[in-house]
């Protein structure tokens, strides 16, 4: 279960990273 939450944490970054970059622009 700890591994599942760790994977969830990074999985959301697939959306958060591009949106953060676009927001910075």
PDBML (XML) file of the C-alpha atoms, coordinates in Angstrom:
<?xml version="1.0" encoding="UTF-8" ?>
<PDBx:datablock datablockName="MODEL"
   xmlns:PDBx="http://pdbml.pdb.org/schema/pdbx-v50.xsd"
   xmlns:xsi="http://www.w3.org/2001/XMLSchema-instance"
   xsi:schemaLocation="http://pdbml.pdb.org/schema/pdbx-v50.xsd pdbx-v50.xsd">
   <PDBx:atom_siteCategory>
      <PDBx:atom_site id="1">
         <PDBx:B_iso_or_equiv>0.00</PDBx:B_iso_or_equiv>
         <PDBx:Cartn_x>0.000</PDBx:Cartn_x>
         <PDBx:Cartn_y>0.000</PDBx:Cartn_y>
         <PDBx:Cartn_z>0.000</PDBx:Cartn_z>
         <PDBx:auth_asym_id>A</PDBx:auth_asym_id>
         <PDBx:auth_atom_id>CA</PDBx:auth_atom_id>
         <PDBx:auth_comp_id>UNK</PDBx:auth_comp_id>
         <PDBx:auth_seq_id>1</PDBx:auth_seq_id>
         <PDBx:group_PDB>ATOM</PDBx:group_PDB>
         <PDBx:label_alt_id xsi:nil="true" />
         <PDBx:label_asym_id>A</PDBx:label_asym_id>
         <PDBx:label_atom_id>CA</PDBx:label_atom_id>
         <PDBx:label_comp_id>UNK</PDBx:label_comp_id>
         <PDBx:label_entity_id>1</PDBx:label_entity_id>
         <PDBx:label_seq_id>1</PDBx:label_seq_id>
         <PDBx:occupancy>1.00</PDBx:occupancy>
         <PDBx:pdbx_PDB_model_num>1</PDBx:pdbx_PDB_model_num>
         <PDBx:type_symbol>C</PDBx:type_symbol>
      </PDBx:atom_site>
      <PDBx:atom_site id="2">
         <PDBx:B_iso_or_equiv>0.00</PDBx:B_iso_or_equiv>
         <PDBx:Cartn_x>2.897</PDBx:Cartn_x>
         <PDBx:Cartn_y>2.368</PDBx:Cartn_y>
         <PDBx:Cartn_z>0.697</PDBx:Cartn_z>
         <PDBx:auth_asym_id>A</PDBx:auth_asym_id>
         <PDBx:auth_atom_id>CA</PDBx:auth_atom_id>
         <PDBx:auth_comp_id>UNK</PDBx:auth_comp_id>
         <PDBx:auth_seq_id>2</PDBx:auth_seq_id>
         <PDBx:group_PDB>ATOM</PDBx:group_PDB>
         <PDBx:label_alt_id xsi:nil="true" />
         <PDBx:label_asym_id>A</PDBx:label_asym_id>
         <PDBx:label_atom_id>CA</PDBx:label_atom_id>
         <PDBx:label_comp_id>UNK</PDBx:label_comp_id>
         <PDBx:label_entity_id>1</PDBx:label_entity_id>
         <PDBx:label_seq_id>2</PDBx:label_seq_id>
         <PDBx:occupancy>1.00</PDBx:occupancy>
         <PDBx:pdbx_PDB_model_num>1</PDBx:pdbx_PDB_model_num>
         <PDBx:type_symbol>C</PDBx:type_symbol>
      </PDBx:atom_site>
      <PDBx:atom_site id="3">
         <PDBx:B_iso_or_equiv>0.00</PDBx:B_iso_or_equiv>
         <PDBx:Cartn_x>4.159</PDBx:Cartn_x>
         <PDBx:Cartn_y>1.638</PDBx:Cartn_y>
         <PDBx:Cartn_z>-2.813</PDBx:Cartn_z>
         <PDBx:auth_asym_id>A</PDBx:auth_asym_id>
         <PDBx:auth_atom_id>CA</PDBx:auth_atom_id>
         <PDBx:auth_comp_id>UNK</PDBx:auth_comp_id>
         <PDBx:auth_seq_id>3</PDBx:auth_seq_id>
         <PDBx:group_PDB>ATOM</PDBx:group_PDB>
         <PDBx:label_alt_id xsi:nil="true" />
         <PDBx:label_asym_id>A</PDBx:label_asym_id>
         <PDBx:label_atom_id>CA</PDBx:label_atom_id>
         <PDBx:label_comp_id>UNK</PDBx:label_comp_id>
         <PDBx:label_entity_id>1</PDBx:label_entity_id>
         <PDBx:label_seq_id>3</PDBx:label_seq_id>
         <PDBx:occupancy>1.00</PDBx:occupancy>
         <PDBx:pdbx_PDB_model_num>1</PDBx:pdbx_PDB_model_num>
         <PDBx:type_symbol>C</PDBx:type_symbol>
      </PDBx:atom_site>
      <PDBx:atom_site id="4">
         <PDBx:B_iso_or_equiv>0.00</PDBx:B_iso_or_equiv>
         <PDBx:Cartn_x>0.716</PDBx:Cartn_x>
         <PDBx:Cartn_y>2.356</PDBx:Cartn_y>
         <PDBx:Cartn_z>-4.256</PDBx:Cartn_z>
         <PDBx:auth_asym_id>A</PDBx:auth_asym_id>
         <PDBx:auth_atom_id>CA</PDBx:auth_atom_id>
         <PDBx:auth_comp_id>UNK</PDBx:auth_comp_id>
         <PDBx:auth_seq_id>4</PDBx:auth_seq_id>
         <PDBx:group_PDB>ATOM</PDBx:group_PDB>
         <PDBx:label_alt_id xsi:nil="true" />
         <PDBx:label_asym_id>A</PDBx:label_asym_id>
         <PDBx:label_atom_id>CA</PDBx:label_atom_id>
         <PDBx:label_comp_id>UNK</PDBx:label_comp_id>
         <PDBx:label_entity_id>1</PDBx:label_entity_id>
         <PDBx:label_seq_id>4</PDBx:label_seq_id>
         <PDBx:occupancy>1.00</PDBx:occupancy>
         <PDBx:pdbx_PDB_model_num>1</PDBx:pdbx_PDB_model_num>
         <PDBx:type_symbol>C</PDBx:type_symbol>
      </PDBx:atom_site>
      <PDBx:atom_site id="5">
         <PDBx:B_iso_or_equiv>0.00</PDBx:B_iso_or_equiv>
         <PDBx:Cartn_x>0.602</PDBx:Cartn_x>
         <PDBx:Cartn_y>5.800</PDBx:Cartn_y>
         <PDBx:Cartn_z>-2.614</PDBx:Cartn_z>
         <PDBx:auth_asym_id>A</PDBx:auth_asym_id>
         <PDBx:auth_atom_id>CA</PDBx:auth_atom_id>
         <PDBx:auth_comp_id>UNK</PDBx:auth_comp_id>
         <PDBx:auth_seq_id>5</PDBx:auth_seq_id>
         <PDBx:group_PDB>ATOM</PDBx:group_PDB>
         <PDBx:label_alt_id xsi:nil="true" />
         <PDBx:label_asym_id>A</PDBx:label_asym_id>
         <PDBx:label_atom_id>CA</PDBx:label_atom_id>
         <PDBx:label_comp_id>UNK</PDBx:label_comp_id>
         <PDBx:label_entity_id>1</PDBx:label_entity_id>
         <PDBx:label_seq_id>5</PDBx:label_seq_id>
         <PDBx:occupancy>1.00</PDBx:occupancy>
         <PDBx:pdbx_PDB_model_num>1</PDBx:pdbx_PDB_model_num>
         <PDBx:type_symbol>C</PDBx:type_symbol>
      </PDBx:atom_site>
      <PDBx:atom_site id="6">
         <PDBx:B_iso_or_equiv>0.00</PDBx:B_iso_or_equiv>
         <PDBx:Cartn_x>4.186</PDBx:Cartn_x>
         <PDBx:Cartn_y>6.519</PDBx:Cartn_y>
         <PDBx:Cartn_z>-3.662</PDBx:Cartn_z>
         <PDBx:auth_asym_id>A</PDBx:auth_asym_id>
         <PDBx:auth_atom_id>CA</PDBx:auth_atom_id>
         <PDBx:auth_comp_id>UNK</PDBx:auth_comp_id>
         <PDBx:auth_seq_id>6</PDBx:auth_seq_id>
         <PDBx:group_PDB>ATOM</PDBx:group_PDB>
         <PDBx:label_alt_id xsi:nil="true" />
         <PDBx:label_asym_id>A</PDBx:label_asym_id>
         <PDBx:label_atom_id>CA</PDBx:label_atom_id>
         <PDBx:label_comp_id>UNK</PDBx:label_comp_id>
         <PDBx:label_entity_id>1</PDBx:label_entity_id>
         <PDBx:label_seq_id>6</PDBx:label_seq_id>
         <PDBx:occupancy>1.00</PDBx:occupancy>
         <PDBx:pdbx_PDB_model_num>1</PDBx:pdbx_PDB_model_num>
         <PDBx:type_symbol>C</PDBx:type_symbol>
      </PDBx:atom_site>
      <PDBx:atom_site id="7">
         <PDBx:B_iso_or_equiv>0.00</PDBx:B_iso_or_equiv>
         <PDBx:Cartn_x>3.246</PDBx:Cartn_x>
         <PDBx:Cartn_y>5.653</PDBx:Cartn_y>
         <PDBx:Cartn_z>-7.250</PDBx:Cartn_z>
         <PDBx:auth_asym_id>A</PDBx:auth_asym_id>
         <PDBx:auth_atom_id>CA</PDBx:auth_atom_id>
         <PDBx:auth_comp_id>UNK</PDBx:auth_comp_id>
         <PDBx:auth_seq_id>7</PDBx:auth_seq_id>
         <PDBx:group_PDB>ATOM</PDBx:group_PDB>
         <PDBx:label_alt_id xsi:nil="true" />
         <PDBx:label_asym_id>A</PDBx:label_asym_id>
         <PDBx:label_atom_id>CA</PDBx:label_atom_id>
         <PDBx:label_comp_id>UNK</PDBx:label_comp_id>
         <PDBx:label_entity_id>1</PDBx:label_entity_id>
         <PDBx:label_seq_id>7</PDBx:label_seq_id>
         <PDBx:occupancy>1.00</PDBx:occupancy>
         <PDBx:pdbx_PDB_model_num>1</PDBx:pdbx_PDB_model_num>
         <PDBx:type_symbol>C</PDBx:type_symbol>
      </PDBx:atom_site>
      <PDBx:atom_site id="8">
         <PDBx:B_iso_or_equiv>0.00</PDBx:B_iso_or_equiv>
         <PDBx:Cartn_x>0.113</PDBx:Cartn_x>
         <PDBx:Cartn_y>7.820</PDBx:Cartn_y>
         <PDBx:Cartn_z>-7.005</PDBx:Cartn_z>
         <PDBx:auth_asym_id>A</PDBx:auth_asym_id>
         <PDBx:auth_atom_id>CA</PDBx:auth_atom_id>
         <PDBx:auth_comp_id>UNK</PDBx:auth_comp_id>
         <PDBx:auth_seq_id>8</PDBx:auth_seq_id>
         <PDBx:group_PDB>ATOM</PDBx:group_PDB>
         <PDBx:label_alt_id xsi:nil="true" />
         <PDBx:label_asym_id>A</PDBx:label_asym_id>
         <PDBx:label_atom_id>CA</PDBx:label_atom_id>
         <PDBx:label_comp_id>UNK</PDBx:label_comp_id>
         <PDBx:label_entity_id>1</PDBx:label_entity_id>
         <PDBx:label_seq_id>8</PDBx:label_seq_id>
         <PDBx:occupancy>1.00</PDBx:occupancy>
         <PDBx:pdbx_PDB_model_num>1</PDBx:pdbx_PDB_model_num>
         <PDBx:type_symbol>C</PDBx:type_symbol>
      </PDBx:atom_site>
      <PDBx:atom_site id="9">
         <PDBx:B_iso_or_equiv>0.00</PDBx:B_iso_or_equiv>
         <PDBx:Cartn_x>2.224</PDBx:Cartn_x>
         <PDBx:Cartn_y>10.761</PDBx:Cartn_y>
         <PDBx:Cartn_z>-5.830</PDBx:Cartn_z>
         <PDBx:auth_asym_id>A</PDBx:auth_asym_id>
         <PDBx:auth_atom_id>CA</PDBx:auth_atom_id>
         <PDBx:auth_comp_id>UNK</PDBx:auth_comp_id>
         <PDBx:auth_seq_id>9</PDBx:auth_seq_id>
         <PDBx:group_PDB>ATOM</PDBx:group_PDB>
         <PDBx:label_alt_id xsi:nil="true" />
         <PDBx:label_asym_id>A</PDBx:label_asym_id>
         <PDBx:label_atom_id>CA</PDBx:label_atom_id>
         <PDBx:label_comp_id>UNK</PDBx:label_comp_id>
         <PDBx:label_entity_id>1</PDBx:label_entity_id>
         <PDBx:label_seq_id>9</PDBx:label_seq_id>
         <PDBx:occupancy>1.00</PDBx:occupancy>
         <PDBx:pdbx_PDB_model_num>1</PDBx:pdbx_PDB_model_num>
         <PDBx:type_symbol>C</PDBx:type_symbol>
      </PDBx:atom_site>
      <PDBx:atom_site id="10">
         <PDBx:B_iso_or_equiv>0.00</PDBx:B_iso_or_equiv>
         <PDBx:Cartn_x>4.387</PDBx:Cartn_x>
         <PDBx:Cartn_y>10.629</PDBx:Cartn_y>
         <PDBx:Cartn_z>-8.956</PDBx:Cartn_z>
         <PDBx:auth_asym_id>A</PDBx:auth_asym_id>
         <PDBx:auth_atom_id>CA</PDBx:auth_atom_id>
         <PDBx:auth_comp_id>UNK</PDBx:auth_comp_id>
         <PDBx:auth_seq_id>10</PDBx:auth_seq_id>
         <PDBx:group_PDB>ATOM</PDBx:group_PDB>
         <PDBx:label_alt_id xsi:nil="true" />
         <PDBx:label_asym_id>A</PDBx:label_asym_id>
         <PDBx:label_atom_id>CA</PDBx:label_atom_id>
         <PDBx:label_comp_id>UNK</PDBx:label_comp_id>
         <PDBx:label_entity_id>1</PDBx:label_entity_id>
         <PDBx:label_seq_id>10</PDBx:label_seq_id>
         <PDBx:occupancy>1.00</PDBx:occupancy>
         <PDBx:pdbx_PDB_model_num>1</PDBx:pdbx_PDB_model_num>
         <PDBx:type_symbol>C</PDBx:type_symbol>
      </PDBx:atom_site>
      <PDBx:atom_site id="11">
         <PDBx:B_iso_or_equiv>0.00</PDBx:B_iso_or_equiv>
         <PDBx:Cartn_x>1.596</PDBx:Cartn_x>
         <PDBx:Cartn_y>9.635</PDBx:Cartn_y>
         <PDBx:Cartn_z>-11.340</PDBx:Cartn_z>
         <PDBx:auth_asym_id>A</PDBx:auth_asym_id>
         <PDBx:auth_atom_id>CA</PDBx:auth_atom_id>
         <PDBx:auth_comp_id>UNK</PDBx:auth_comp_id>
         <PDBx:auth_seq_id>11</PDBx:auth_seq_id>
         <PDBx:group_PDB>ATOM</PDBx:group_PDB>
         <PDBx:label_alt_id xsi:nil="true" />
         <PDBx:label_asym_id>A</PDBx:label_asym_id>
         <PDBx:label_atom_id>CA</PDBx:label_atom_id>
         <PDBx:label_comp_id>UNK</PDBx:label_comp_id>
         <PDBx:label_entity_id>1</PDBx:label_entity_id>
         <PDBx:label_seq_id>11</PDBx:label_seq_id>
         <PDBx:occupancy>1.00</PDBx:occupancy>
         <PDBx:pdbx_PDB_model_num>1</PDBx:pdbx_PDB_model_num>
         <PDBx:type_symbol>C</PDBx:type_symbol>
      </PDBx:atom_site>
      <PDBx:atom_site id="12">
         <PDBx:B_iso_or_equiv>0.00</PDBx:B_iso_or_equiv>
         <PDBx:Cartn_x>-0.144</PDBx:Cartn_x>
         <PDBx:Cartn_y>12.950</PDBx:Cartn_y>
         <PDBx:Cartn_z>-10.694</PDBx:Cartn_z>
         <PDBx:auth_asym_id>A</PDBx:auth_asym_id>
         <PDBx:auth_atom_id>CA</PDBx:auth_atom_id>
         <PDBx:auth_comp_id>UNK</PDBx:auth_comp_id>
         <PDBx:auth_seq_id>12</PDBx:auth_seq_id>
         <PDBx:group_PDB>ATOM</PDBx:group_PDB>
         <PDBx:label_alt_id xsi:nil="true" />
         <PDBx:label_asym_id>A</PDBx:label_asym_id>
         <PDBx:label_atom_id>CA</PDBx:label_atom_id>
         <PDBx:label_comp_id>UNK</PDBx:label_comp_id>
         <PDBx:label_entity_id>1</PDBx:label_entity_id>
         <PDBx:label_seq_id>12</PDBx:label_seq_id>
         <PDBx:occupancy>1.00</PDBx:occupancy>
         <PDBx:pdbx_PDB_model_num>1</PDBx:pdbx_PDB_model_num>
         <PDBx:type_symbol>C</PDBx:type_symbol>
      </PDBx:atom_site>
      <PDBx:atom_site id="13">
         <PDBx:B_iso_or_equiv>0.00</PDBx:B_iso_or_equiv>
         <PDBx:Cartn_x>3.059</PDBx:Cartn_x>
         <PDBx:Cartn_y>14.735</PDBx:Cartn_y>
         <PDBx:Cartn_z>-11.673</PDBx:Cartn_z>
         <PDBx:auth_asym_id>A</PDBx:auth_asym_id>
         <PDBx:auth_atom_id>CA</PDBx:auth_atom_id>
         <PDBx:auth_comp_id>UNK</PDBx:auth_comp_id>
         <PDBx:auth_seq_id>13</PDBx:auth_seq_id>
         <PDBx:group_PDB>ATOM</PDBx:group_PDB>
         <PDBx:label_alt_id xsi:nil="true" />
         <PDBx:label_asym_id>A</PDBx:label_asym_id>
         <PDBx:label_atom_id>CA</PDBx:label_atom_id>
         <PDBx:label_comp_id>UNK</PDBx:label_comp_id>
         <PDBx:label_entity_id>1</PDBx:label_entity_id>
         <PDBx:label_seq_id>13</PDBx:label_seq_id>
         <PDBx:occupancy>1.00</PDBx:occupancy>
         <PDBx:pdbx_PDB_model_num>1</PDBx:pdbx_PDB_model_num>
         <PDBx:type_symbol>C</PDBx:type_symbol>
      </PDBx:atom_site>
      <PDBx:atom_site id="14">
         <PDBx:B_iso_or_equiv>0.00</PDBx:B_iso_or_equiv>
         <PDBx:Cartn_x>2.422</PDBx:Cartn_x>
         <PDBx:Cartn_y>13.709</PDBx:Cartn_y>
         <PDBx:Cartn_z>-15.284</PDBx:Cartn_z>
         <PDBx:auth_asym_id>A</PDBx:auth_asym_id>
         <PDBx:auth_atom_id>CA</PDBx:auth_atom_id>
         <PDBx:auth_comp_id>UNK</PDBx:auth_comp_id>
         <PDBx:auth_seq_id>14</PDBx:auth_seq_id>
         <PDBx:group_PDB>ATOM</PDBx:group_PDB>
         <PDBx:label_alt_id xsi:nil="true" />
         <PDBx:label_asym_id>A</PDBx:label_asym_id>
         <PDBx:label_atom_id>CA</PDBx:label_atom_id>
         <PDBx:label_comp_id>UNK</PDBx:label_comp_id>
         <PDBx:label_entity_id>1</PDBx:label_entity_id>
         <PDBx:label_seq_id>14</PDBx:label_seq_id>
         <PDBx:occupancy>1.00</PDBx:occupancy>
         <PDBx:pdbx_PDB_model_num>1</PDBx:pdbx_PDB_model_num>
         <PDBx:type_symbol>C</PDBx:type_symbol>
      </PDBx:atom_site>
      <PDBx:atom_site id="15">
         <PDBx:B_iso_or_equiv>0.00</PDBx:B_iso_or_equiv>
         <PDBx:Cartn_x>-0.302</PDBx:Cartn_x>
         <PDBx:Cartn_y>16.389</PDBx:Cartn_y>
         <PDBx:Cartn_z>-15.290</PDBx:Cartn_z>
         <PDBx:auth_asym_id>A</PDBx:auth_asym_id>
         <PDBx:auth_atom_id>CA</PDBx:auth_atom_id>
         <PDBx:auth_comp_id>UNK</PDBx:auth_comp_id>
         <PDBx:auth_seq_id>15</PDBx:auth_seq_id>
         <PDBx:group_PDB>ATOM</PDBx:group_PDB>
         <PDBx:label_alt_id xsi:nil="true" />
         <PDBx:label_asym_id>A</PDBx:label_asym_id>
         <PDBx:label_atom_id>CA</PDBx:label_atom_id>
         <PDBx:label_comp_id>UNK</PDBx:label_comp_id>
         <PDBx:label_entity_id>1</PDBx:label_entity_id>
         <PDBx:label_seq_id>15</PDBx:label_seq_id>
         <PDBx:occupancy>1.00</PDBx:occupancy>
         <PDBx:pdbx_PDB_model_num>1</PDBx:pdbx_PDB_model_num>
         <PDBx:type_symbol>C</PDBx:type_symbol>
      </PDBx:atom_site>
      <PDBx:atom_site id="16">
         <PDBx:B_iso_or_equiv>0.00</PDBx:B_iso_or_equiv>
         <PDBx:Cartn_x>1.128</PDBx:Cartn_x>
         <PDBx:Cartn_y>18.756</PDBx:Cartn_y>
         <PDBx:Cartn_z>-12.661</PDBx:Cartn_z>
         <PDBx:auth_asym_id>A</PDBx:auth_asym_id>
         <PDBx:auth_atom_id>CA</PDBx:auth_atom_id>
         <PDBx:auth_comp_id>UNK</PDBx:auth_comp_id>
         <PDBx:auth_seq_id>16</PDBx:auth_seq_id>
         <PDBx:group_PDB>ATOM</PDBx:group_PDB>
         <PDBx:label_alt_id xsi:nil="true" />
         <PDBx:label_asym_id>A</PDBx:label_asym_id>
         <PDBx:label_atom_id>CA</PDBx:label_atom_id>
         <PDBx:label_comp_id>UNK</PDBx:label_comp_id>
         <PDBx:label_entity_id>1</PDBx:label_entity_id>
         <PDBx:label_seq_id>16</PDBx:label_seq_id>
         <PDBx:occupancy>1.00</PDBx:occupancy>
         <PDBx:pdbx_PDB_model_num>1</PDBx:pdbx_PDB_model_num>
         <PDBx:type_symbol>C</PDBx:type_symbol>
      </PDBx:atom_site>
      <PDBx:atom_site id="17">
         <PDBx:B_iso_or_equiv>0.00</PDBx:B_iso_or_equiv>
         <PDBx:Cartn_x>4.506</PDBx:Cartn_x>
         <PDBx:Cartn_y>19.241</PDBx:Cartn_y>
         <PDBx:Cartn_z>-14.367</PDBx:Cartn_z>
         <PDBx:auth_asym_id>A</PDBx:auth_asym_id>
         <PDBx:auth_atom_id>CA</PDBx:auth_atom_id>
         <PDBx:auth_comp_id>UNK</PDBx:auth_comp_id>
         <PDBx:auth_seq_id>17</PDBx:auth_seq_id>
         <PDBx:group_PDB>ATOM</PDBx:group_PDB>
         <PDBx:label_alt_id xsi:nil="true" />
         <PDBx:label_asym_id>A</PDBx:label_asym_id>
         <PDBx:label_atom_id>CA</PDBx:label_atom_id>
         <PDBx:label_comp_id>UNK</PDBx:label_comp_id>
         <PDBx:label_entity_id>1</PDBx:label_entity_id>
         <PDBx:label_seq_id>17</PDBx:label_seq_id>
         <PDBx:occupancy>1.00</PDBx:occupancy>
         <PDBx:pdbx_PDB_model_num>1</PDBx:pdbx_PDB_model_num>
         <PDBx:type_symbol>C</PDBx:type_symbol>
      </PDBx:atom_site>
      <PDBx:atom_site id="18">
         <PDBx:B_iso_or_equiv>0.00</PDBx:B_iso_or_equiv>
         <PDBx:Cartn_x>3.212</PDBx:Cartn_x>
         <PDBx:Cartn_y>20.401</PDBx:Cartn_y>
         <PDBx:Cartn_z>-17.773</PDBx:Cartn_z>
         <PDBx:auth_asym_id>A</PDBx:auth_asym_id>
         <PDBx:auth_atom_id>CA</PDBx:auth_atom_id>
         <PDBx:auth_comp_id>UNK</PDBx:auth_comp_id>
         <PDBx:auth_seq_id>18</PDBx:auth_seq_id>
         <PDBx:group_PDB>ATOM</PDBx:group_PDB>
         <PDBx:label_alt_id xsi:nil="true" />
         <PDBx:label_asym_id>A</PDBx:label_asym_id>
         <PDBx:label_atom_id>CA</PDBx:label_atom_id>
         <PDBx:label_comp_id>UNK</PDBx:label_comp_id>
         <PDBx:label_entity_id>1</PDBx:label_entity_id>
         <PDBx:label_seq_id>18</PDBx:label_seq_id>
         <PDBx:occupancy>1.00</PDBx:occupancy>
         <PDBx:pdbx_PDB_model_num>1</PDBx:pdbx_PDB_model_num>
         <PDBx:type_symbol>C</PDBx:type_symbol>
      </PDBx:atom_site>
      <PDBx:atom_site id="19">
         <PDBx:B_iso_or_equiv>0.00</PDBx:B_iso_or_equiv>
         <PDBx:Cartn_x>0.568</PDBx:Cartn_x>
         <PDBx:Cartn_y>22.597</PDBx:Cartn_y>
         <PDBx:Cartn_z>-16.142</PDBx:Cartn_z>
         <PDBx:auth_asym_id>A</PDBx:auth_asym_id>
         <PDBx:auth_atom_id>CA</PDBx:auth_atom_id>
         <PDBx:auth_comp_id>UNK</PDBx:auth_comp_id>
         <PDBx:auth_seq_id>19</PDBx:auth_seq_id>
         <PDBx:group_PDB>ATOM</PDBx:group_PDB>
         <PDBx:label_alt_id xsi:nil="true" />
         <PDBx:label_asym_id>A</PDBx:label_asym_id>
         <PDBx:label_atom_id>CA</PDBx:label_atom_id>
         <PDBx:label_comp_id>UNK</PDBx:label_comp_id>
         <PDBx:label_entity_id>1</PDBx:label_entity_id>
         <PDBx:label_seq_id>19</PDBx:label_seq_id>
         <PDBx:occupancy>1.00</PDBx:occupancy>
         <PDBx:pdbx_PDB_model_num>1</PDBx:pdbx_PDB_model_num>
         <PDBx:type_symbol>C</PDBx:type_symbol>
      </PDBx:atom_site>
      <PDBx:atom_site id="20">
         <PDBx:B_iso_or_equiv>0.00</PDBx:B_iso_or_equiv>
         <PDBx:Cartn_x>3.182</PDBx:Cartn_x>
         <PDBx:Cartn_y>24.155</PDBx:Cartn_y>
         <PDBx:Cartn_z>-13.837</PDBx:Cartn_z>
         <PDBx:auth_asym_id>A</PDBx:auth_asym_id>
         <PDBx:auth_atom_id>CA</PDBx:auth_atom_id>
         <PDBx:auth_comp_id>UNK</PDBx:auth_comp_id>
         <PDBx:auth_seq_id>20</PDBx:auth_seq_id>
         <PDBx:group_PDB>ATOM</PDBx:group_PDB>
         <PDBx:label_alt_id xsi:nil="true" />
         <PDBx:label_asym_id>A</PDBx:label_asym_id>
         <PDBx:label_atom_id>CA</PDBx:label_atom_id>
         <PDBx:label_comp_id>UNK</PDBx:label_comp_id>
         <PDBx:label_entity_id>1</PDBx:label_entity_id>
         <PDBx:label_seq_id>20</PDBx:label_seq_id>
         <PDBx:occupancy>1.00</PDBx:occupancy>
         <PDBx:pdbx_PDB_model_num>1</PDBx:pdbx_PDB_model_num>
         <PDBx:type_symbol>C</PDBx:type_symbol>
      </PDBx:atom_site>
      <PDBx:atom_site id="21">
         <PDBx:B_iso_or_equiv>0.00</PDBx:B_iso_or_equiv>
         <PDBx:Cartn_x>5.413</PDBx:Cartn_x>
         <PDBx:Cartn_y>24.846</PDBx:Cartn_y>
         <PDBx:Cartn_z>-16.821</PDBx:Cartn_z>
         <PDBx:auth_asym_id>A</PDBx:auth_asym_id>
         <PDBx:auth_atom_id>CA</PDBx:auth_atom_id>
         <PDBx:auth_comp_id>UNK</PDBx:auth_comp_id>
         <PDBx:auth_seq_id>21</PDBx:auth_seq_id>
         <PDBx:group_PDB>ATOM</PDBx:group_PDB>
         <PDBx:label_alt_id xsi:nil="true" />
         <PDBx:label_asym_id>A</PDBx:label_asym_id>
         <PDBx:label_atom_id>CA</PDBx:label_atom_id>
         <PDBx:label_comp_id>UNK</PDBx:label_comp_id>
         <PDBx:label_entity_id>1</PDBx:label_entity_id>
         <PDBx:label_seq_id>21</PDBx:label_seq_id>
         <PDBx:occupancy>1.00</PDBx:occupancy>
         <PDBx:pdbx_PDB_model_num>1</PDBx:pdbx_PDB_model_num>
         <PDBx:type_symbol>C</PDBx:type_symbol>
      </PDBx:atom_site>
      <PDBx:atom_site id="22">
         <PDBx:B_iso_or_equiv>0.00</PDBx:B_iso_or_equiv>
         <PDBx:Cartn_x>2.560</PDBx:Cartn_x>
         <PDBx:Cartn_y>26.377</PDBx:Cartn_y>
         <PDBx:Cartn_z>-18.789</PDBx:Cartn_z>
         <PDBx:auth_asym_id>A</PDBx:auth_asym_id>
         <PDBx:auth_atom_id>CA</PDBx:auth_atom_id>
         <PDBx:auth_comp_id>UNK</PDBx:auth_comp_id>
         <PDBx:auth_seq_id>22</PDBx:auth_seq_id>
         <PDBx:group_PDB>ATOM</PDBx:group_PDB>
         <PDBx:label_alt_id xsi:nil="true" />
         <PDBx:label_asym_id>A</PDBx:label_asym_id>
         <PDBx:label_atom_id>CA</PDBx:label_atom_id>
         <PDBx:label_comp_id>UNK</PDBx:label_comp_id>
         <PDBx:label_entity_id>1</PDBx:label_entity_id>
         <PDBx:label_seq_id>22</PDBx:label_seq_id>
         <PDBx:occupancy>1.00</PDBx:occupancy>
         <PDBx:pdbx_PDB_model_num>1</PDBx:pdbx_PDB_model_num>
         <PDBx:type_symbol>C</PDBx:type_symbol>
      </PDBx:atom_site>
      <PDBx:atom_site id="23">
         <PDBx:B_iso_or_equiv>0.00</PDBx:B_iso_or_equiv>
         <PDBx:Cartn_x>1.552</PDBx:Cartn_x>
         <PDBx:Cartn_y>28.449</PDBx:Cartn_y>
         <PDBx:Cartn_z>-15.738</PDBx:Cartn_z>
         <PDBx:auth_asym_id>A</PDBx:auth_asym_id>
         <PDBx:auth_atom_id>CA</PDBx:auth_atom_id>
         <PDBx:auth_comp_id>UNK</PDBx:auth_comp_id>
         <PDBx:auth_seq_id>23</PDBx:auth_seq_id>
         <PDBx:group_PDB>ATOM</PDBx:group_PDB>
         <PDBx:label_alt_id xsi:nil="true" />
         <PDBx:label_asym_id>A</PDBx:label_asym_id>
         <PDBx:label_atom_id>CA</PDBx:label_atom_id>
         <PDBx:label_comp_id>UNK</PDBx:label_comp_id>
         <PDBx:label_entity_id>1</PDBx:label_entity_id>
         <PDBx:label_seq_id>23</PDBx:label_seq_id>
         <PDBx:occupancy>1.00</PDBx:occupancy>
         <PDBx:pdbx_PDB_model_num>1</PDBx:pdbx_PDB_model_num>
         <PDBx:type_symbol>C</PDBx:type_symbol>
      </PDBx:atom_site>
      <PDBx:atom_site id="24">
         <PDBx:B_iso_or_equiv>0.00</PDBx:B_iso_or_equiv>
         <PDBx:Cartn_x>5.108</PDBx:Cartn_x>
         <PDBx:Cartn_y>29.741</PDBx:Cartn_y>
         <PDBx:Cartn_z>-15.423</PDBx:Cartn_z>
         <PDBx:auth_asym_id>A</PDBx:auth_asym_id>
         <PDBx:auth_atom_id>CA</PDBx:auth_atom_id>
         <PDBx:auth_comp_id>UNK</PDBx:auth_comp_id>
         <PDBx:auth_seq_id>24</PDBx:auth_seq_id>
         <PDBx:group_PDB>ATOM</PDBx:group_PDB>
         <PDBx:label_alt_id xsi:nil="true" />
         <PDBx:label_asym_id>A</PDBx:label_asym_id>
         <PDBx:label_atom_id>CA</PDBx:label_atom_id>
         <PDBx:label_comp_id>UNK</PDBx:label_comp_id>
         <PDBx:label_entity_id>1</PDBx:label_entity_id>
         <PDBx:label_seq_id>24</PDBx:label_seq_id>
         <PDBx:occupancy>1.00</PDBx:occupancy>
         <PDBx:pdbx_PDB_model_num>1</PDBx:pdbx_PDB_model_num>
         <PDBx:type_symbol>C</PDBx:type_symbol>
      </PDBx:atom_site>
      <PDBx:atom_site id="25">
         <PDBx:B_iso_or_equiv>0.00</PDBx:B_iso_or_equiv>
         <PDBx:Cartn_x>5.103</PDBx:Cartn_x>
         <PDBx:Cartn_y>30.756</PDBx:Cartn_y>
         <PDBx:Cartn_z>-19.098</PDBx:Cartn_z>
         <PDBx:auth_asym_id>A</PDBx:auth_asym_id>
         <PDBx:auth_atom_id>CA</PDBx:auth_atom_id>
         <PDBx:auth_comp_id>UNK</PDBx:auth_comp_id>
         <PDBx:auth_seq_id>25</PDBx:auth_seq_id>
         <PDBx:group_PDB>ATOM</PDBx:group_PDB>
         <PDBx:label_alt_id xsi:nil="true" />
         <PDBx:label_asym_id>A</PDBx:label_asym_id>
         <PDBx:label_atom_id>CA</PDBx:label_atom_id>
         <PDBx:label_comp_id>UNK</PDBx:label_comp_id>
         <PDBx:label_entity_id>1</PDBx:label_entity_id>
         <PDBx:label_seq_id>25</PDBx:label_seq_id>
         <PDBx:occupancy>1.00</PDBx:occupancy>
         <PDBx:pdbx_PDB_model_num>1</PDBx:pdbx_PDB_model_num>
         <PDBx:type_symbol>C</PDBx:type_symbol>
      </PDBx:atom_site>
   </PDBx:atom_siteCategory>
</PDBx:datablock>
